[in-house]
N, C-alpha and C. Protein backbone atom coordinates (compact mmCIF):
# COMPACT_ATOMS: atom_id res chain seq x y z
N UNK A 1 37.39 -16.67 28.62
CA UNK A 1 36.03 -16.44 28.17
C UNK A 1 35.84 -14.96 27.86
N UNK A 2 35.29 -14.67 26.67
CA UNK A 2 35.10 -13.29 26.24
C UNK A 2 33.80 -12.74 26.81
N UNK A 3 33.85 -11.49 27.22
CA UNK A 3 32.66 -10.81 27.67
C UNK A 3 31.93 -10.24 26.45
N UNK A 4 30.65 -9.94 26.59
CA UNK A 4 29.88 -9.38 25.49
C UNK A 4 30.55 -8.13 24.92
N UNK A 5 31.16 -7.33 25.78
CA UNK A 5 31.78 -6.09 25.33
C UNK A 5 33.11 -6.32 24.60
N UNK A 6 33.61 -7.54 24.60
CA UNK A 6 34.88 -7.86 23.97
C UNK A 6 34.74 -8.36 22.55
N UNK A 7 33.53 -8.26 21.99
CA UNK A 7 33.31 -8.76 20.64
C UNK A 7 32.29 -7.89 19.93
N UNK A 8 32.31 -7.98 18.61
CA UNK A 8 31.42 -7.20 17.76
C UNK A 8 30.56 -8.14 16.93
N UNK A 9 29.26 -7.94 16.99
CA UNK A 9 28.31 -8.76 16.24
C UNK A 9 28.20 -8.23 14.81
N UNK A 10 28.22 -9.16 13.84
CA UNK A 10 28.12 -8.75 12.45
C UNK A 10 27.26 -9.73 11.66
N UNK A 11 26.81 -9.29 10.48
CA UNK A 11 26.09 -10.15 9.55
C UNK A 11 26.53 -9.80 8.14
N UNK A 12 26.79 -10.83 7.35
CA UNK A 12 27.01 -10.67 5.92
C UNK A 12 25.69 -11.07 5.26
N UNK A 13 25.18 -10.21 4.40
CA UNK A 13 23.92 -10.48 3.72
C UNK A 13 24.00 -10.01 2.27
N UNK A 14 23.07 -10.50 1.46
CA UNK A 14 22.99 -10.07 0.07
C UNK A 14 21.75 -9.20 -0.07
N UNK A 15 21.94 -8.02 -0.62
CA UNK A 15 20.81 -7.13 -0.86
C UNK A 15 19.88 -7.77 -1.88
N UNK A 16 18.61 -7.75 -1.61
CA UNK A 16 17.65 -8.30 -2.56
C UNK A 16 16.79 -7.21 -3.17
N UNK A 17 16.81 -6.01 -2.60
CA UNK A 17 15.96 -4.94 -3.09
C UNK A 17 16.69 -3.88 -3.90
N UNK A 18 18.02 -3.88 -3.84
CA UNK A 18 18.76 -2.83 -4.53
C UNK A 18 19.70 -3.43 -5.57
N UNK A 19 20.93 -3.63 -5.21
CA UNK A 19 21.96 -4.02 -6.18
C UNK A 19 22.23 -5.51 -6.26
N UNK A 20 21.78 -6.27 -5.28
CA UNK A 20 22.09 -7.69 -5.25
C UNK A 20 23.50 -7.97 -4.74
N UNK A 21 24.17 -6.94 -4.25
CA UNK A 21 25.54 -7.08 -3.75
C UNK A 21 25.55 -7.60 -2.32
N UNK A 22 26.65 -8.25 -1.99
CA UNK A 22 26.86 -8.70 -0.61
C UNK A 22 27.36 -7.52 0.20
N UNK A 23 26.86 -7.41 1.40
CA UNK A 23 27.24 -6.32 2.31
C UNK A 23 27.41 -6.88 3.72
N UNK A 24 28.01 -6.06 4.57
CA UNK A 24 28.16 -6.44 5.98
C UNK A 24 27.63 -5.31 6.84
N UNK A 25 27.06 -5.69 7.95
CA UNK A 25 26.65 -4.71 8.96
C UNK A 25 27.24 -5.17 10.29
N UNK A 26 27.85 -4.23 10.99
CA UNK A 26 28.40 -4.49 12.32
C UNK A 26 27.41 -3.91 13.33
N UNK A 27 26.53 -4.76 13.81
CA UNK A 27 25.40 -4.32 14.62
C UNK A 27 25.83 -3.56 15.87
N UNK A 28 26.85 -4.03 16.56
CA UNK A 28 27.22 -3.42 17.82
C UNK A 28 27.99 -2.11 17.64
N UNK A 29 28.24 -1.71 16.39
CA UNK A 29 28.90 -0.43 16.13
C UNK A 29 27.93 0.63 15.63
N UNK A 30 26.68 0.25 15.43
CA UNK A 30 25.70 1.21 14.90
C UNK A 30 25.40 2.30 15.91
N UNK A 31 25.26 3.49 15.39
CA UNK A 31 24.89 4.64 16.20
C UNK A 31 23.38 4.82 16.12
N UNK A 32 22.82 5.57 17.04
CA UNK A 32 21.38 5.77 17.08
C UNK A 32 20.82 6.31 15.76
N UNK A 33 21.56 7.21 15.09
CA UNK A 33 21.03 7.84 13.88
C UNK A 33 20.98 6.89 12.67
N UNK A 34 21.75 5.80 12.67
CA UNK A 34 21.72 4.89 11.52
C UNK A 34 21.28 3.47 11.87
N UNK A 35 21.00 3.24 13.14
CA UNK A 35 20.67 1.89 13.60
C UNK A 35 19.46 1.31 12.88
N UNK A 36 18.35 2.02 12.86
CA UNK A 36 17.12 1.50 12.27
C UNK A 36 17.29 1.25 10.77
N UNK A 37 17.89 2.18 10.05
CA UNK A 37 18.08 2.03 8.61
C UNK A 37 18.93 0.81 8.28
N UNK A 38 20.06 0.67 8.95
CA UNK A 38 20.97 -0.44 8.67
C UNK A 38 20.37 -1.79 9.05
N UNK A 39 19.69 -1.85 10.16
CA UNK A 39 19.05 -3.11 10.57
C UNK A 39 17.95 -3.48 9.58
N UNK A 40 17.15 -2.51 9.17
CA UNK A 40 16.09 -2.79 8.19
C UNK A 40 16.66 -3.26 6.86
N UNK A 41 17.75 -2.65 6.44
CA UNK A 41 18.40 -3.05 5.18
C UNK A 41 18.89 -4.49 5.28
N UNK A 42 19.51 -4.84 6.39
CA UNK A 42 20.00 -6.21 6.57
C UNK A 42 18.84 -7.20 6.65
N UNK A 43 17.78 -6.83 7.36
CA UNK A 43 16.63 -7.73 7.50
C UNK A 43 15.92 -7.96 6.17
N UNK A 44 15.95 -6.97 5.30
CA UNK A 44 15.31 -7.11 3.98
C UNK A 44 16.17 -7.95 3.04
N UNK A 45 17.43 -8.11 3.37
CA UNK A 45 18.35 -8.87 2.52
C UNK A 45 18.28 -10.36 2.80
N UNK A 46 19.10 -11.08 2.06
CA UNK A 46 19.20 -12.54 2.20
C UNK A 46 20.38 -12.86 3.10
N UNK A 47 20.11 -13.45 4.25
CA UNK A 47 21.17 -13.78 5.21
C UNK A 47 22.18 -14.72 4.58
N UNK A 48 23.47 -14.46 4.85
CA UNK A 48 24.52 -15.34 4.35
C UNK A 48 25.38 -15.90 5.48
N UNK A 49 25.84 -15.04 6.38
CA UNK A 49 26.71 -15.48 7.47
C UNK A 49 26.64 -14.45 8.59
N UNK A 50 26.70 -14.91 9.83
CA UNK A 50 26.75 -13.98 10.94
C UNK A 50 27.62 -14.55 12.05
N UNK A 51 27.97 -13.70 12.96
CA UNK A 51 28.78 -14.14 14.08
C UNK A 51 29.31 -12.95 14.86
N UNK A 52 30.34 -13.23 15.62
CA UNK A 52 31.00 -12.22 16.43
C UNK A 52 32.49 -12.26 16.13
N UNK A 53 33.11 -11.09 16.00
CA UNK A 53 34.57 -11.02 15.88
C UNK A 53 35.11 -10.44 17.17
N UNK A 54 36.27 -10.93 17.56
CA UNK A 54 36.93 -10.44 18.77
C UNK A 54 37.40 -9.01 18.55
N UNK A 55 37.16 -8.16 19.52
CA UNK A 55 37.56 -6.76 19.40
C UNK A 55 39.08 -6.57 19.42
N UNK A 56 39.80 -7.54 19.98
CA UNK A 56 41.25 -7.42 20.09
C UNK A 56 41.90 -7.18 18.72
N UNK A 57 41.45 -7.89 17.69
CA UNK A 57 42.00 -7.72 16.34
C UNK A 57 40.87 -7.46 15.35
N UNK A 58 39.94 -6.63 15.76
CA UNK A 58 38.75 -6.36 14.96
C UNK A 58 39.08 -5.76 13.60
N UNK A 59 40.05 -4.87 13.54
CA UNK A 59 40.38 -4.24 12.26
C UNK A 59 40.91 -5.26 11.25
N UNK A 60 41.68 -6.23 11.73
CA UNK A 60 42.15 -7.31 10.85
C UNK A 60 40.97 -8.13 10.35
N UNK A 61 40.03 -8.43 11.23
CA UNK A 61 38.84 -9.19 10.84
C UNK A 61 38.02 -8.42 9.80
N UNK A 62 37.91 -7.11 9.98
CA UNK A 62 37.16 -6.30 9.02
C UNK A 62 37.84 -6.31 7.65
N UNK A 63 39.16 -6.30 7.61
CA UNK A 63 39.88 -6.39 6.34
C UNK A 63 39.62 -7.72 5.66
N UNK A 64 39.59 -8.79 6.43
CA UNK A 64 39.29 -10.12 5.88
C UNK A 64 37.87 -10.13 5.31
N UNK A 65 36.92 -9.59 6.07
CA UNK A 65 35.53 -9.54 5.61
C UNK A 65 35.40 -8.71 4.35
N UNK A 66 36.09 -7.59 4.28
CA UNK A 66 36.06 -6.75 3.08
C UNK A 66 36.55 -7.55 1.87
N UNK A 67 37.62 -8.30 2.05
CA UNK A 67 38.14 -9.14 0.96
C UNK A 67 37.16 -10.22 0.56
N UNK A 68 36.50 -10.83 1.54
CA UNK A 68 35.51 -11.86 1.24
C UNK A 68 34.32 -11.28 0.49
N UNK A 69 33.89 -10.08 0.87
CA UNK A 69 32.78 -9.42 0.17
C UNK A 69 33.16 -9.13 -1.28
N UNK A 70 34.38 -8.70 -1.50
CA UNK A 70 34.83 -8.43 -2.87
C UNK A 70 34.78 -9.71 -3.70
N UNK A 71 35.24 -10.79 -3.13
CA UNK A 71 35.21 -12.07 -3.85
C UNK A 71 33.78 -12.50 -4.16
N UNK A 72 32.89 -12.37 -3.18
CA UNK A 72 31.49 -12.73 -3.39
C UNK A 72 30.85 -11.84 -4.46
N UNK A 73 31.14 -10.55 -4.41
CA UNK A 73 30.55 -9.61 -5.37
C UNK A 73 31.12 -9.75 -6.77
N UNK A 74 32.26 -10.42 -6.89
CA UNK A 74 32.83 -10.72 -8.20
C UNK A 74 32.30 -12.05 -8.74
N UNK A 75 31.41 -12.70 -7.98
CA UNK A 75 30.77 -13.91 -8.45
C UNK A 75 31.32 -15.21 -7.90
N UNK A 76 32.35 -15.13 -7.05
CA UNK A 76 32.89 -16.35 -6.47
C UNK A 76 31.90 -16.94 -5.48
N UNK A 77 31.76 -18.25 -5.53
CA UNK A 77 30.85 -18.94 -4.61
C UNK A 77 31.64 -19.37 -3.38
N UNK A 78 31.27 -18.85 -2.24
CA UNK A 78 31.91 -19.21 -0.97
C UNK A 78 30.85 -19.79 -0.04
N UNK A 79 31.23 -20.79 0.71
CA UNK A 79 30.32 -21.38 1.69
C UNK A 79 30.52 -20.71 3.05
N UNK A 80 29.57 -20.95 3.93
CA UNK A 80 29.69 -20.44 5.30
C UNK A 80 30.94 -21.00 5.96
N UNK A 81 31.26 -22.25 5.66
CA UNK A 81 32.46 -22.88 6.23
C UNK A 81 33.72 -22.17 5.75
N UNK A 82 33.75 -21.76 4.49
CA UNK A 82 34.92 -21.04 3.97
C UNK A 82 35.05 -19.66 4.61
N UNK A 83 33.93 -19.01 4.87
CA UNK A 83 33.95 -17.71 5.54
C UNK A 83 34.51 -17.89 6.95
N UNK A 84 33.98 -18.87 7.67
CA UNK A 84 34.45 -19.13 9.04
C UNK A 84 35.93 -19.48 9.05
N UNK A 85 36.36 -20.27 8.09
CA UNK A 85 37.76 -20.66 8.02
C UNK A 85 38.66 -19.45 7.74
N UNK A 86 38.22 -18.57 6.85
CA UNK A 86 39.01 -17.38 6.52
C UNK A 86 39.13 -16.45 7.74
N UNK A 87 38.07 -16.37 8.54
CA UNK A 87 38.11 -15.52 9.73
C UNK A 87 38.85 -16.19 10.88
N UNK A 88 38.84 -17.51 10.89
CA UNK A 88 39.62 -18.29 11.87
C UNK A 88 39.56 -17.77 13.28
N UNK A 89 40.73 -17.46 13.80
CA UNK A 89 40.87 -17.05 15.21
C UNK A 89 40.22 -15.71 15.52
N UNK A 90 39.79 -14.98 14.50
CA UNK A 90 39.12 -13.68 14.71
C UNK A 90 37.69 -13.87 15.19
N UNK A 91 37.11 -15.05 14.94
CA UNK A 91 35.73 -15.31 15.37
C UNK A 91 35.69 -15.59 16.86
N UNK A 92 34.63 -15.12 17.49
CA UNK A 92 34.41 -15.36 18.91
C UNK A 92 33.19 -16.24 19.06
N UNK A 93 33.12 -16.99 20.14
CA UNK A 93 31.95 -17.84 20.39
C UNK A 93 30.83 -17.07 21.00
């Protein structure tokens, strides 16, 4: 069983007020100086997918997410199930 400190909370969202691009925010990595801005930006956007990635291989998960964002921003239609499948074992409950 993973402890809260063993995972990172994230959200993939689409900006609705600026570029319309898909972006990700890693909530548990935000620092005090950027926390409010990043949370407000995500809240103003259109929610797409959220969850937790295990910290053990977090960098690998971030690379996967970066690739998924590129595909989404190039116009590919991906479902939440496809995102979860691509992240596979990197997702935490």
